[in-house]
Amino acid sequence: MLTLFWSCQSSDNSLPILGQRKAVTKTIDGKVVTDSVDHTIPDFKFTSQYGDTVTAHDFTGKIYVADFFFTTCPTICPKMKMQLKRVYEKFKNNPNVALLSHTINPEHDSVAVLKEFADNLGVTGHQWLFVTGDKEAIYDIGQNSYMVTAQEDSSAPGGVVHSGAFILVDKDRHIRGIYDGTTEEGVDKLMADMDRLLTDYKK
């Protein structure tokens, strides 16, 4: 399930920037000025399947696709990972593209568990990172920054509920698209938009 979002469509037919703009007040040349800025993914700090620290800085100069999952998910996660593997294979070794999968069950999904999960998918290198960390921080960034569902729910299979969405983030940490990560059609659209965004950066 996707949360509602507001989008700002630019006039040049580029991908929209999603999320609600917010007012920022600053002092310029002694004058207090209030400006509106686009929704931006904040700084974060998680741990990857290799045991190293992953921050927003690691994605500097890259576009990336984010999602939320857990390794023992009995429902949509297998479909999502097979679809995201298509993205990985298409953009493999492209230095301008990264993938970032957050576990929403960090109590179970340790570094070792995530490494085994990545290995079983055939993922190597650091282009596709699987991260764990503080549960509340993961839920918070999912729901309040990436604008998707990520929370505990005792009535849900596996005890947690999360969106099946893939989120496309640009080099400025703006969300440029949210896609159904459980379907081939949704991921085809994602990959087409990734190509479009990468082309825009070459102009």
C-alpha atoms as a PDB file:
ATOM      1  CA  MET A   1       0.000   0.000   0.000  1.00  0.00           C
ATOM      2  CA  LEU A   2       1.371   3.400  -0.964  1.00  0.00           C
ATOM      3  CA  THR A   3       0.802   6.453   1.153  1.00  0.00           C
ATOM      4  CA  LEU A   4      -0.607   9.548  -0.487  1.00  0.00           C
ATOM      5  CA  PHE A   5       1.907  12.050  -1.767  1.00  0.00           C
ATOM      6  CA  TRP A   6       1.998  15.420  -3.413  1.00  0.00           C
ATOM      7  CA  SER A   7       4.016  15.846  -6.586  1.00  0.00           C
ATOM      8  CA  CYS A   8       5.633  18.796  -8.240  1.00  0.00           C
ATOM      9  CA  GLN A   9       5.756  18.453 -12.011  1.00  0.00           C
ATOM     10  CA  SER A  10       8.405  20.565 -13.620  1.00  0.00           C
ATOM     11  CA  SER A  11       7.689  22.301 -16.887  1.00  0.00           C
ATOM     12  CA  ASP A  12      10.280  20.458 -18.966  1.00  0.00           C
ATOM     13  CA  ASN A  13       8.724  16.982 -19.072  1.00  0.00           C
ATOM     14  CA  SER A  14      11.281  15.553 -16.639  1.00  0.00           C
ATOM     15  CA  LEU A  15      10.231  13.135 -13.907  1.00  0.00           C
ATOM     16  CA  PRO A  16       8.281  14.826 -11.097  1.00  0.00           C
ATOM     17  CA  ILE A  17       9.736  15.361  -7.648  1.00  0.00           C
ATOM     18  CA  LEU A  18       7.447  13.609  -5.183  1.00  0.00           C
ATOM     19  CA  GLY A  19       6.694  14.597  -1.610  1.00  0.00           C
ATOM     20  CA  GLN A  20       5.453  17.679   0.154  1.00  0.00           C
ATOM     21  CA  ARG A  21       7.599  20.780  -0.061  1.00  0.00           C
ATOM     22  CA  LYS A  22       8.429  22.402   3.267  1.00  0.00           C
ATOM     23  CA  ALA A  23       9.172  25.952   4.294  1.00  0.00           C
ATOM     24  CA  VAL A  24      12.700  26.761   5.398  1.00  0.00           C
ATOM     25  CA  THR A  25      13.627  30.055   7.034  1.00  0.00           C
ATOM     26  CA  LYS A  26      17.177  31.363   6.744  1.00  0.00           C
ATOM     27  CA  THR A  27      19.052  34.635   7.022  1.00  0.00           C
ATOM     28  CA  ILE A  28      20.605  36.043   3.856  1.00  0.00           C
ATOM     29  CA  ASP A  29      22.524  39.333   3.970  1.00  0.00           C
ATOM     30  CA  GLY A  30      20.915  40.145   7.305  1.00  0.00           C
ATOM     31  CA  LYS A  31      17.402  39.526   6.039  1.00  0.00           C
ATOM     32  CA  VAL A  32      15.176  36.656   7.146  1.00  0.00           C
ATOM     33  CA  VAL A  33      13.958  34.799   4.070  1.00  0.00           C
ATOM     34  CA  THR A  34      11.476  31.930   3.920  1.00  0.00           C
ATOM     35  CA  ASP A  35      11.746  29.565   0.968  1.00  0.00           C
ATOM     36  CA  SER A  36      10.153  26.235   0.104  1.00  0.00           C
ATOM     37  CA  VAL A  37      12.342  23.211  -0.571  1.00  0.00           C
ATOM     38  CA  ASP A  38      11.596  19.835  -2.108  1.00  0.00           C
ATOM     39  CA  HIS A  39      11.130  16.721   0.003  1.00  0.00           C
ATOM     40  CA  THR A  40      14.555  15.121   0.516  1.00  0.00           C
ATOM     41  CA  ILE A  41      15.685  11.789   1.957  1.00  0.00           C
ATOM     42  CA  PRO A  42      17.527  12.706   5.195  1.00  0.00           C
ATOM     43  CA  ASP A  43      20.879  11.435   6.365  1.00  0.00           C
ATOM     44  CA  PHE A  44      20.789   7.870   7.631  1.00  0.00           C
ATOM     45  CA  LYS A  45      23.105   5.277   9.137  1.00  0.00           C
ATOM     46  CA  PHE A  46      22.594   1.529   8.729  1.00  0.00           C
ATOM     47  CA  THR A  47      24.748  -1.607   8.470  1.00  0.00           C
ATOM     48  CA  SER A  48      25.139  -3.589   5.249  1.00  0.00           C
ATOM     49  CA  GLN A  49      25.436  -7.315   4.574  1.00  0.00           C
ATOM     50  CA  TYR A  50      29.214  -6.813   4.705  1.00  0.00           C
ATOM     51  CA  GLY A  51      29.110  -5.385   8.222  1.00  0.00           C
ATOM     52  CA  ASP A  52      30.141  -1.893   7.169  1.00  0.00           C
ATOM     53  CA  THR A  53      28.306   1.361   7.874  1.00  0.00           C
ATOM     54  CA  VAL A  54      26.085   2.711   5.114  1.00  0.00           C
ATOM     55  CA  THR A  55      25.119   6.395   5.042  1.00  0.00           C
ATOM     56  CA  ALA A  56      23.552   8.767   2.552  1.00  0.00           C
ATOM     57  CA  HIS A  57      27.085   9.802   1.620  1.00  0.00           C
ATOM     58  CA  ASP A  58      27.617   6.395  -0.010  1.00  0.00           C
ATOM     59  CA  PHE A  59      25.014   7.351  -2.626  1.00  0.00           C
ATOM     60  CA  THR A  60      26.560  10.686  -3.575  1.00  0.00           C
ATOM     61  CA  GLY A  61      26.505  11.081  -7.351  1.00  0.00           C
ATOM     62  CA  LYS A  62      24.202   8.098  -7.816  1.00  0.00           C
ATOM     63  CA  ILE A  63      20.550   7.456  -8.453  1.00  0.00           C
ATOM     64  CA  TYR A  64      19.238   4.561  -6.392  1.00  0.00           C
ATOM     65  CA  VAL A  65      16.237   2.327  -5.864  1.00  0.00           C
ATOM     66  CA  ALA A  66      15.113   1.728  -2.279  1.00  0.00           C
ATOM     67  CA  ASP A  67      12.739  -0.888  -0.909  1.00  0.00           C
ATOM     68  CA  PHE A  68      11.682  -2.525   2.369  1.00  0.00           C
ATOM     69  CA  PHE A  69      11.520  -6.279   2.985  1.00  0.00           C
ATOM     70  CA  PHE A  70      12.452  -9.032   5.407  1.00  0.00           C
ATOM     71  CA  THR A  71      14.179 -12.306   4.666  1.00  0.00           C
ATOM     72  CA  THR A  72      11.475 -14.551   6.138  1.00  0.00           C
ATOM     73  CA  CYS A  73       8.618 -12.711   4.412  1.00  0.00           C
ATOM     74  CA  PRO A  74       6.070 -15.318   3.256  1.00  0.00           C
ATOM     75  CA  THR A  75       4.099 -13.072   0.911  1.00  0.00           C
ATOM     76  CA  ILE A  76       5.339 -10.399  -1.519  1.00  0.00           C
ATOM     77  CA  CYS A  77       9.080 -10.283  -0.796  1.00  0.00           C
ATOM     78  CA  PRO A  78      10.093 -13.182  -3.076  1.00  0.00           C
ATOM     79  CA  LYS A  79       8.320 -11.490  -5.998  1.00  0.00           C
ATOM     80  CA  MET A  80       9.922  -8.146  -5.126  1.00  0.00           C
ATOM     81  CA  LYS A  81      13.411  -9.573  -4.952  1.00  0.00           C
ATOM     82  CA  MET A  82      13.076 -11.374  -8.273  1.00  0.00           C
ATOM     83  CA  GLN A  83      11.905  -8.123  -9.848  1.00  0.00           C
ATOM     84  CA  LEU A  84      14.667  -6.071  -8.222  1.00  0.00           C
ATOM     85  CA  LYS A  85      17.147  -8.662  -9.460  1.00  0.00           C
ATOM     86  CA  ARG A  86      16.063  -7.665 -12.985  1.00  0.00           C
ATOM     87  CA  VAL A  87      17.028  -4.067 -12.164  1.00  0.00           C
ATOM     88  CA  TYR A  88      20.334  -5.251 -10.713  1.00  0.00           C
ATOM     89  CA  GLU A  89      21.144  -7.260 -13.813  1.00  0.00           C
ATOM     90  CA  LYS A  90      20.271  -4.436 -16.194  1.00  0.00           C
ATOM     91  CA  PHE A  91      22.328  -1.790 -14.399  1.00  0.00           C
ATOM     92  CA  LYS A  92      25.036  -4.090 -13.053  1.00  0.00           C
ATOM     93  CA  ASN A  93      28.378  -2.329 -12.772  1.00  0.00           C
ATOM     94  CA  ASN A  94      26.882   1.045 -13.723  1.00  0.00           C
ATOM     95  CA  PRO A  95      28.692   3.387 -11.284  1.00  0.00           C
ATOM     96  CA  ASN A  96      25.766   5.836 -11.366  1.00  0.00           C
ATOM     97  CA  VAL A  97      23.190   3.325 -10.070  1.00  0.00           C
ATOM     98  CA  ALA A  98      22.731   1.640  -6.676  1.00  0.00           C
ATOM     99  CA  LEU A  99      20.086  -0.455  -4.916  1.00  0.00           C
ATOM    100  CA  LEU A 100      19.239  -0.240  -1.205  1.00  0.00           C
ATOM    101  CA  SER A 101      17.055  -2.843   0.522  1.00  0.00           C
ATOM    102  CA  HIS A 102      16.107  -2.218   4.164  1.00  0.00           C
ATOM    103  CA  THR A 103      15.037  -5.086   6.390  1.00  0.00           C
ATOM    104  CA  ILE A 104      12.047  -4.306   8.589  1.00  0.00           C
ATOM    105  CA  ASN A 105      12.828  -7.277  10.841  1.00  0.00           C
ATOM    106  CA  PRO A 106      16.297  -6.382  12.152  1.00  0.00           C
ATOM    107  CA  GLU A 107      15.952  -8.661  15.185  1.00  0.00           C
ATOM    108  CA  HIS A 108      16.171 -11.643  12.832  1.00  0.00           C
ATOM    109  CA  ASP A 109      17.931 -10.185   9.824  1.00  0.00           C
ATOM    110  CA  SER A 110      21.459  -9.854  11.131  1.00  0.00           C
ATOM    111  CA  VAL A 111      24.463  -9.008   8.985  1.00  0.00           C
ATOM    112  CA  ALA A 112      25.145 -12.725   8.494  1.00  0.00           C
ATOM    113  CA  VAL A 113      21.532 -13.448   7.526  1.00  0.00           C
ATOM    114  CA  LEU A 114      21.512 -10.587   5.015  1.00  0.00           C
ATOM    115  CA  LYS A 115      24.827 -11.754   3.532  1.00  0.00           C
ATOM    116  CA  GLU A 116      23.477 -15.263   3.046  1.00  0.00           C
ATOM    117  CA  PHE A 117      20.286 -13.840   1.536  1.00  0.00           C
ATOM    118  CA  ALA A 118      22.277 -11.697  -0.907  1.00  0.00           C
ATOM    119  CA  ASP A 119      24.541 -14.621  -1.801  1.00  0.00           C
ATOM    120  CA  ASN A 120      21.519 -16.810  -2.529  1.00  0.00           C
ATOM    121  CA  LEU A 121      20.213 -14.129  -4.893  1.00  0.00           C
ATOM    122  CA  GLY A 122      23.524 -14.070  -6.714  1.00  0.00           C
ATOM    123  CA  VAL A 123      24.313 -10.522  -5.603  1.00  0.00           C
ATOM    124  CA  THR A 124      27.988  -9.594  -5.381  1.00  0.00           C
ATOM    125  CA  GLY A 125      29.856  -6.362  -4.774  1.00  0.00           C
ATOM    126  CA  HIS A 126      28.486  -3.189  -3.204  1.00  0.00           C
ATOM    127  CA  GLN A 127      26.067  -1.983  -5.858  1.00  0.00           C
ATOM    128  CA  TRP A 128      23.083  -3.656  -4.131  1.00  0.00           C
ATOM    129  CA  LEU A 129      23.213  -3.223  -0.367  1.00  0.00           C
ATOM    130  CA  PHE A 130      20.959  -4.999   2.121  1.00  0.00           C
ATOM    131  CA  VAL A 131      20.885  -3.053   5.365  1.00  0.00           C
ATOM    132  CA  THR A 132      19.829  -3.584   8.939  1.00  0.00           C
ATOM    133  CA  GLY A 133      19.877  -1.269  11.941  1.00  0.00           C
ATOM    134  CA  ASP A 134      17.685   0.321  14.583  1.00  0.00           C
ATOM    135  CA  LYS A 135      14.117  -0.821  13.966  1.00  0.00           C
ATOM    136  CA  GLU A 136      12.486   2.495  14.772  1.00  0.00           C
ATOM    137  CA  ALA A 137      14.920   4.325  12.504  1.00  0.00           C
ATOM    138  CA  ILE A 138      14.077   1.956   9.653  1.00  0.00           C
ATOM    139  CA  TYR A 139      10.326   2.331  10.185  1.00  0.00           C
ATOM    140  CA  ASP A 140      10.650   6.091  10.476  1.00  0.00           C
ATOM    141  CA  ILE A 141      12.619   6.573   7.278  1.00  0.00           C
ATOM    142  CA  GLY A 142      10.284   4.212   5.435  1.00  0.00           C
ATOM    143  CA  GLN A 143       7.058   5.921   6.396  1.00  0.00           C
ATOM    144  CA  ASN A 144       8.159   9.540   6.780  1.00  0.00           C
ATOM    145  CA  SER A 145      10.896   9.851   4.162  1.00  0.00           C
ATOM    146  CA  TYR A 146      10.324   7.201   1.493  1.00  0.00           C
ATOM    147  CA  MET A 147       6.540   7.527   1.942  1.00  0.00           C
ATOM    148  CA  VAL A 148       5.772   3.795   2.082  1.00  0.00           C
ATOM    149  CA  THR A 149       4.339   1.461   4.702  1.00  0.00           C
ATOM    150  CA  ALA A 150       6.835  -0.183   7.076  1.00  0.00           C
ATOM    151  CA  GLN A 151       5.604  -1.185  10.519  1.00  0.00           C
ATOM    152  CA  GLU A 152       4.827  -3.994  12.937  1.00  0.00           C
ATOM    153  CA  ASP A 153       1.426  -5.651  12.622  1.00  0.00           C
ATOM    154  CA  SER A 154       0.715  -8.787  14.638  1.00  0.00           C
ATOM    155  CA  SER A 155      -2.149  -9.672  12.301  1.00  0.00           C
ATOM    156  CA  ALA A 156       0.073  -9.671   9.201  1.00  0.00           C
ATOM    157  CA  PRO A 157       1.969 -12.737   7.952  1.00  0.00           C
ATOM    158  CA  GLY A 158       5.404 -12.615   9.564  1.00  0.00           C
ATOM    159  CA  GLY A 159       4.281 -10.006  12.115  1.00  0.00           C
ATOM    160  CA  VAL A 160       5.211  -6.960  10.028  1.00  0.00           C
ATOM    161  CA  VAL A 161       3.603  -5.155   7.131  1.00  0.00           C
ATOM    162  CA  HIS A 162       5.388  -3.245   4.395  1.00  0.00           C
ATOM    163  CA  SER A 163       4.813  -1.743   1.004  1.00  0.00           C
ATOM    164  CA  GLY A 164       5.630  -3.620  -2.170  1.00  0.00           C
ATOM    165  CA  ALA A 165       6.964  -0.402  -3.634  1.00  0.00           C
ATOM    166  CA  PHE A 166      10.298   0.414  -5.215  1.00  0.00           C
ATOM    167  CA  ILE A 167      11.291   4.056  -4.717  1.00  0.00           C
ATOM    168  CA  LEU A 168      13.466   5.849  -7.265  1.00  0.00           C
ATOM    169  CA  VAL A 169      15.740   8.463  -5.687  1.00  0.00           C
ATOM    170  CA  ASP A 170      17.832  10.938  -7.673  1.00  0.00           C
ATOM    171  CA  LYS A 171      21.328  12.298  -7.047  1.00  0.00           C
ATOM    172  CA  ASP A 172      19.901  15.087  -4.871  1.00  0.00           C
ATOM    173  CA  ARG A 173      18.003  12.582  -2.698  1.00  0.00           C
ATOM    174  CA  HIS A 174      14.622  13.569  -4.159  1.00  0.00           C
ATOM    175  CA  ILE A 175      12.026  10.870  -4.806  1.00  0.00           C
ATOM    176  CA  ARG A 176      11.295  10.753  -8.546  1.00  0.00           C
ATOM    177  CA  GLY A 177       8.936   7.779  -8.699  1.00  0.00           C
ATOM    178  CA  ILE A 178       7.205   5.039  -6.692  1.00  0.00           C
ATOM    179  CA  TYR A 179       6.505   1.746  -8.480  1.00  0.00           C
ATOM    180  CA  ASP A 180       4.782  -1.572  -7.853  1.00  0.00           C
ATOM    181  CA  GLY A 181       7.728  -3.852  -7.142  1.00  0.00           C
ATOM    182  CA  THR A 182       5.628  -7.015  -7.329  1.00  0.00           C
ATOM    183  CA  THR A 183       4.816  -6.812 -11.045  1.00  0.00           C
ATOM    184  CA  GLU A 184       6.843  -6.963 -14.231  1.00  0.00           C
ATOM    185  CA  GLU A 185       4.920  -3.976 -15.597  1.00  0.00           C
ATOM    186  CA  GLY A 186       5.726  -1.813 -12.580  1.00  0.00           C
ATOM    187  CA  VAL A 187       9.411  -2.660 -12.753  1.00  0.00           C
ATOM    188  CA  ASP A 188       9.530  -2.138 -16.523  1.00  0.00           C
ATOM    189  CA  LYS A 189       8.267   1.393 -15.856  1.00  0.00           C
ATOM    190  CA  LEU A 190      10.888   1.847 -13.111  1.00  0.00           C
ATOM    191  CA  MET A 191      13.731   0.816 -15.403  1.00  0.00           C
ATOM    192  CA  ALA A 192      12.464   3.064 -18.192  1.00  0.00           C
ATOM    193  CA  ASP A 193      12.341   5.989 -15.771  1.00  0.00           C
ATOM    194  CA  MET A 194      15.839   5.172 -14.519  1.00  0.00           C
ATOM    195  CA  ASP A 195      17.101   5.368 -18.096  1.00  0.00           C
ATOM    196  CA  ARG A 196      15.238   8.653 -18.514  1.00  0.00           C
ATOM    197  CA  LEU A 197      16.721  10.109 -15.330  1.00  0.00           C
ATOM    198  CA  LEU A 198      20.250   9.022 -16.232  1.00  0.00           C
ATOM    199  CA  THR A 199      19.813  10.621 -19.661  1.00  0.00           C
ATOM    200  CA  ASP A 200      18.633  13.855 -18.044  1.00  0.00           C
ATOM    201  CA  TYR A 201      21.875  14.040 -16.065  1.00  0.00           C
ATOM    202  CA  LYS A 202      23.883  13.850 -19.293  1.00  0.00           C
ATOM    203  CA  LYS A 203      22.193  16.924 -20.778  1.00  0.00           C
END
